[in-house]
Amino acid sequence: MTIDDLIELYETKKKQYKNNAYRYISELLSEAKAKHREDFVRSDTARRAREQGRIPDHEQSWRAFKGKNLEKLVVHIIQSEIESLGLKIVRGETLERTRGENLSKELSQVKRNLSIDYGEFGLHLPDVDIIIYHPMSYKVIAIISSKVTLRERIAQTGYWKFKLLSDEVTKHIQVYFVTPDEDGTLTYKYPAKKGRAIVEADIDGSYVMSETQVEESNKVKMFDKFIEDIKQLINE
């Protein structure tokens, strides 16, 4: 099971559900999990666990795979439309793991334009999954965290929004969360769960990839509104 397999599953959903394919990400992940389990049972990791008298932990392996590859799937879904707007995408992992001397001039400048100044403790990137930027000016337009549920990172995302706002160089950067929201944190505005309250009060918005229709607001919307909001953002 690889990211290519997830993309293939998504493209199958797209043929079936067309523009609503994004609403079936949880269904896609459920199907992928079954395939991932089959591969895991045959893997060296599971074999070594059995040899050591341990029960192979597929759930742990699946969580790691799902967390790493959901953001790649989101990039696949939005990349062509983002690029049609004259913008580009880079994954946060690329900027974090690549040493400065190995980054292109373009990405090195994007990294500088996103970094947060901690004074004597240096410049550090916020923990984000996806970065949208302008390839001519290297200006960062928006950053996205993408997780299956909000509880995995939403409070941290609010913290990064606060830090970006505190600097003239980064205060314009929009901070978004994209999620299937599998625990239903965003479903209702009132009474708001903690995660929804953080989205409404502390970040710029969250976009939901779910079969369940959420109670939308200026900050919480279904994912099909995402590209339109990016268009509006760059036209302001």
Protein backbone atom coordinates (compact mmCIF):
# COMPACT_ATOMS: atom_id res chain seq x y z
CA MET A 1 0.00 0.00 0.00
CA THR A 2 1.49 3.32 -1.13
CA ILE A 3 0.34 6.86 -1.80
CA ASP A 4 -0.12 5.82 -5.43
CA ASP A 5 -2.68 3.27 -4.28
CA LEU A 6 -4.54 5.97 -2.32
CA ILE A 7 -4.54 8.25 -5.34
CA GLU A 8 -5.86 5.43 -7.51
CA LEU A 9 -8.67 4.84 -5.01
CA TYR A 10 -9.48 8.55 -5.02
CA GLU A 11 -9.59 8.68 -8.80
CA THR A 12 -12.04 5.75 -8.71
CA LYS A 13 -14.21 7.69 -6.27
CA LYS A 14 -13.96 10.71 -8.53
CA LYS A 15 -15.33 8.75 -11.47
CA GLN A 16 -18.21 7.59 -9.29
CA TYR A 17 -18.98 10.75 -7.31
CA LYS A 18 -17.42 13.43 -9.55
CA ASN A 19 -17.10 16.78 -7.70
CA ASN A 20 -18.37 15.19 -4.49
CA ALA A 21 -15.53 12.66 -4.33
CA TYR A 22 -13.94 14.64 -1.48
CA ARG A 23 -16.88 13.66 0.74
CA TYR A 24 -15.86 10.00 0.62
CA ILE A 25 -12.33 10.28 1.99
CA SER A 26 -13.23 8.28 5.11
CA GLU A 27 -14.75 5.55 2.95
CA LEU A 28 -11.57 5.56 0.86
CA LEU A 29 -9.40 5.28 3.98
CA SER A 30 -11.48 2.37 5.25
CA GLU A 31 -10.92 0.52 1.97
CA ALA A 32 -7.23 1.38 2.04
CA LYS A 33 -6.92 0.09 5.60
CA ALA A 34 -8.10 -3.38 4.55
CA LYS A 35 -5.48 -3.49 1.80
CA HIS A 36 -2.84 -2.09 4.12
CA ARG A 37 -3.61 -4.87 6.63
CA GLU A 38 -3.08 -7.54 3.97
CA ASP A 39 0.30 -6.05 3.09
CA PHE A 40 1.24 -5.61 6.75
CA VAL A 41 0.58 -9.25 7.63
CA ARG A 42 3.12 -10.24 4.98
CA SER A 43 5.66 -7.56 5.93
CA ASP A 44 9.06 -8.08 7.56
CA THR A 45 7.88 -5.99 10.52
CA ALA A 46 5.03 -8.41 11.26
CA ARG A 47 7.26 -11.43 10.66
CA ARG A 48 9.86 -10.20 13.17
CA ALA A 49 7.14 -9.50 15.73
CA ARG A 50 5.83 -13.06 15.40
CA GLU A 51 9.35 -14.47 15.71
CA GLN A 52 9.75 -12.52 18.96
CA GLY A 53 6.47 -13.83 20.29
CA ARG A 54 4.68 -10.49 19.93
CA ILE A 55 1.38 -9.75 18.20
CA PRO A 56 2.04 -7.53 15.15
CA ASP A 57 0.52 -4.08 15.74
CA HIS A 58 -1.26 -3.20 12.53
CA GLU A 59 -3.10 -0.25 14.06
CA GLN A 60 0.15 1.52 14.87
CA SER A 61 1.47 0.90 11.36
CA TRP A 62 -1.81 2.08 9.81
CA ARG A 63 -1.95 5.28 11.87
CA ALA A 64 1.55 6.20 10.73
CA PHE A 65 0.71 5.46 7.09
CA LYS A 66 -2.60 7.34 7.23
CA GLY A 67 -1.12 10.40 8.90
CA LYS A 68 1.75 10.65 6.44
CA ASN A 69 -0.27 10.05 3.30
CA LEU A 70 -3.49 11.98 3.90
CA GLU A 71 -1.63 15.24 3.33
CA LYS A 72 -0.14 13.83 0.11
CA LEU A 73 -3.64 12.95 -1.04
CA VAL A 74 -4.87 16.48 -0.27
CA VAL A 75 -1.98 17.86 -2.33
CA HIS A 76 -3.01 15.60 -5.22
CA ILE A 77 -6.61 16.84 -4.99
CA ILE A 78 -5.83 20.56 -4.96
CA GLN A 79 -2.54 20.88 -6.84
CA SER A 80 -3.74 21.38 -10.39
CA GLU A 81 -6.32 24.00 -9.38
CA ILE A 82 -3.81 25.81 -7.17
CA GLU A 83 -1.31 25.90 -10.02
CA SER A 84 -3.99 27.16 -12.42
CA LEU A 85 -4.19 30.23 -10.16
CA GLY A 86 -0.48 30.90 -10.68
CA LEU A 87 0.45 29.56 -7.24
CA LYS A 88 2.56 26.59 -6.16
CA ILE A 89 2.48 23.99 -3.40
CA VAL A 90 5.25 22.51 -1.31
CA ARG A 91 4.91 20.09 1.58
CA GLY A 92 6.15 21.28 4.96
CA GLU A 93 8.21 18.11 5.28
CA THR A 94 10.27 19.18 2.24
CA LEU A 95 11.31 22.42 3.92
CA GLU A 96 11.89 20.80 7.32
CA ARG A 97 14.00 17.85 6.20
CA THR A 98 16.05 19.45 3.44
CA ARG A 99 19.16 21.27 4.57
CA GLY A 100 19.48 24.83 3.38
CA GLU A 101 22.31 24.19 0.95
CA ASN A 102 20.21 21.52 -0.80
CA LEU A 103 17.10 23.68 -1.24
CA SER A 104 16.53 25.58 -4.47
CA LYS A 105 16.72 29.37 -4.25
CA GLU A 106 12.93 29.47 -4.58
CA LEU A 107 12.23 27.08 -1.71
CA SER A 108 14.96 28.59 0.44
CA GLN A 109 13.24 31.96 0.12
CA VAL A 110 9.82 30.42 0.85
CA LYS A 111 11.32 28.86 3.97
CA ARG A 112 12.66 32.24 5.10
CA ASN A 113 9.30 33.90 4.42
CA LEU A 114 7.48 31.37 6.60
CA SER A 115 9.96 31.02 9.46
CA ILE A 116 9.09 32.38 12.89
CA ASP A 117 11.68 34.42 14.76
CA TYR A 118 12.31 33.16 18.29
CA GLY A 119 14.99 35.74 18.97
CA GLU A 120 18.13 34.25 20.47
CA PHE A 121 16.66 30.78 19.85
CA GLY A 122 16.67 31.20 16.10
CA LEU A 123 14.26 30.94 13.17
CA HIS A 124 11.91 27.94 13.11
CA LEU A 125 9.21 26.74 10.72
CA PRO A 126 5.69 26.19 12.03
CA ASP A 127 4.51 22.57 11.99
CA VAL A 128 2.36 22.47 8.87
CA ASP A 129 1.67 19.91 6.18
CA ILE A 130 1.12 22.02 3.05
CA ILE A 131 2.33 25.47 2.01
CA ILE A 132 0.81 27.54 -0.80
CA TYR A 133 3.00 30.31 -2.17
CA HIS A 134 3.50 32.66 -5.10
CA PRO A 135 6.43 31.43 -7.26
CA MET A 136 7.39 34.92 -8.49
CA SER A 137 7.49 36.77 -5.17
CA TYR A 138 8.01 33.68 -2.94
CA LYS A 139 5.27 35.13 -0.76
CA VAL A 140 3.53 32.49 1.35
CA ILE A 141 -0.22 32.76 0.85
CA ALA A 142 -1.51 30.04 3.16
CA ILE A 143 -0.50 27.04 5.22
CA ILE A 144 -2.59 23.92 5.77
CA SER A 145 -2.65 21.25 8.42
CA SER A 146 -4.39 18.09 7.25
CA LYS A 147 -5.38 15.43 9.78
CA VAL A 148 -8.14 12.84 10.06
CA THR A 149 -9.49 14.48 13.22
CA LEU A 150 -9.03 17.91 14.77
CA ARG A 151 -7.79 16.59 18.08
CA GLU A 152 -4.54 15.57 16.42
CA ARG A 153 -3.34 19.13 15.90
CA ILE A 154 -5.96 21.87 16.11
CA ALA A 155 -4.70 23.57 19.30
CA GLN A 156 -1.18 23.58 17.88
CA THR A 157 -2.51 25.10 14.66
CA GLY A 158 -4.05 27.92 16.69
CA TYR A 159 -0.68 28.51 18.33
CA TRP A 160 1.05 28.86 14.95
CA LYS A 161 -1.56 31.35 13.80
CA PHE A 162 -0.80 33.44 16.87
CA LYS A 163 2.94 33.32 16.20
CA LEU A 164 2.53 34.23 12.52
CA LEU A 165 0.35 37.20 13.48
CA SER A 166 3.04 38.52 15.81
CA ASP A 167 5.47 39.34 12.96
CA GLU A 168 4.98 41.87 10.15
CA VAL A 169 6.60 39.48 7.67
CA THR A 170 4.19 36.62 8.34
CA LYS A 171 0.98 38.20 9.69
CA HIS A 172 -0.78 37.98 6.30
CA ILE A 173 -0.42 34.17 6.05
CA GLN A 174 -3.74 32.35 6.25
CA VAL A 175 -3.85 29.27 8.46
CA TYR A 176 -6.24 26.49 7.45
CA PHE A 177 -7.17 23.00 8.59
CA VAL A 178 -8.40 20.35 6.10
CA THR A 179 -9.96 17.24 7.60
CA PRO A 180 -12.42 14.37 7.12
CA ASP A 181 -13.41 15.22 10.72
CA GLU A 182 -14.09 11.59 11.55
CA ASP A 183 -15.11 12.36 15.13
CA GLY A 184 -17.64 15.04 14.11
CA THR A 185 -16.00 17.90 15.99
CA LEU A 186 -17.01 20.46 13.38
CA THR A 187 -20.55 19.27 12.66
CA TYR A 188 -22.38 21.86 14.78
CA LYS A 189 -21.61 25.49 15.49
CA TYR A 190 -23.74 25.57 18.63
CA PRO A 191 -23.08 24.09 21.07
CA ALA A 192 -19.50 24.17 19.81
CA LYS A 193 -17.05 21.44 20.73
CA LYS A 194 -13.59 22.62 21.76
CA GLY A 195 -12.05 21.99 18.32
CA ARG A 196 -14.75 23.98 16.57
CA ALA A 197 -14.34 26.81 19.06
CA ILE A 198 -10.61 26.96 18.29
CA VAL A 199 -11.30 27.06 14.55
CA GLU A 200 -13.93 29.79 14.91
CA ALA A 201 -11.84 31.94 17.24
CA ASP A 202 -8.18 31.29 16.47
CA ILE A 203 -7.49 30.21 12.87
CA ASP A 204 -8.64 31.33 9.44
CA GLY A 205 -10.78 28.35 8.55
CA SER A 206 -11.34 24.63 8.32
CA TYR A 207 -12.59 22.66 5.32
CA VAL A 208 -14.40 19.38 5.85
CA MET A 209 -14.09 16.30 3.62
CA SER A 210 -17.03 14.36 4.96
CA GLU A 211 -20.31 12.76 3.94
CA THR A 212 -21.87 14.52 6.92
CA GLN A 213 -22.97 18.06 6.10
CA VAL A 214 -21.59 20.49 8.63
CA GLU A 215 -23.28 23.61 9.95
CA GLU A 216 -21.24 26.06 7.91
CA SER A 217 -19.97 29.48 8.94
CA ASN A 218 -17.37 31.95 7.69
CA LYS A 219 -14.72 29.74 9.29
CA VAL A 220 -16.06 26.20 8.81
CA LYS A 221 -17.06 25.03 5.34
CA MET A 222 -17.30 21.95 3.22
CA PHE A 223 -14.14 21.31 1.22
CA ASP A 224 -15.67 22.28 -2.13
CA LYS A 225 -15.44 25.94 -0.99
CA PHE A 226 -11.67 25.81 -0.55
CA ILE A 227 -10.48 26.78 -4.03
CA GLU A 228 -13.03 29.58 -4.29
CA ASP A 229 -11.77 31.00 -1.00
CA ILE A 230 -8.17 30.86 -2.25
CA LYS A 231 -9.26 32.73 -5.40
CA GLN A 232 -10.91 35.39 -3.28
CA LEU A 233 -7.84 35.60 -1.06
CA ILE A 234 -5.41 36.33 -3.91
CA ASN A 235 -7.81 38.85 -5.49
CA GLU A 236 -8.12 40.96 -2.36
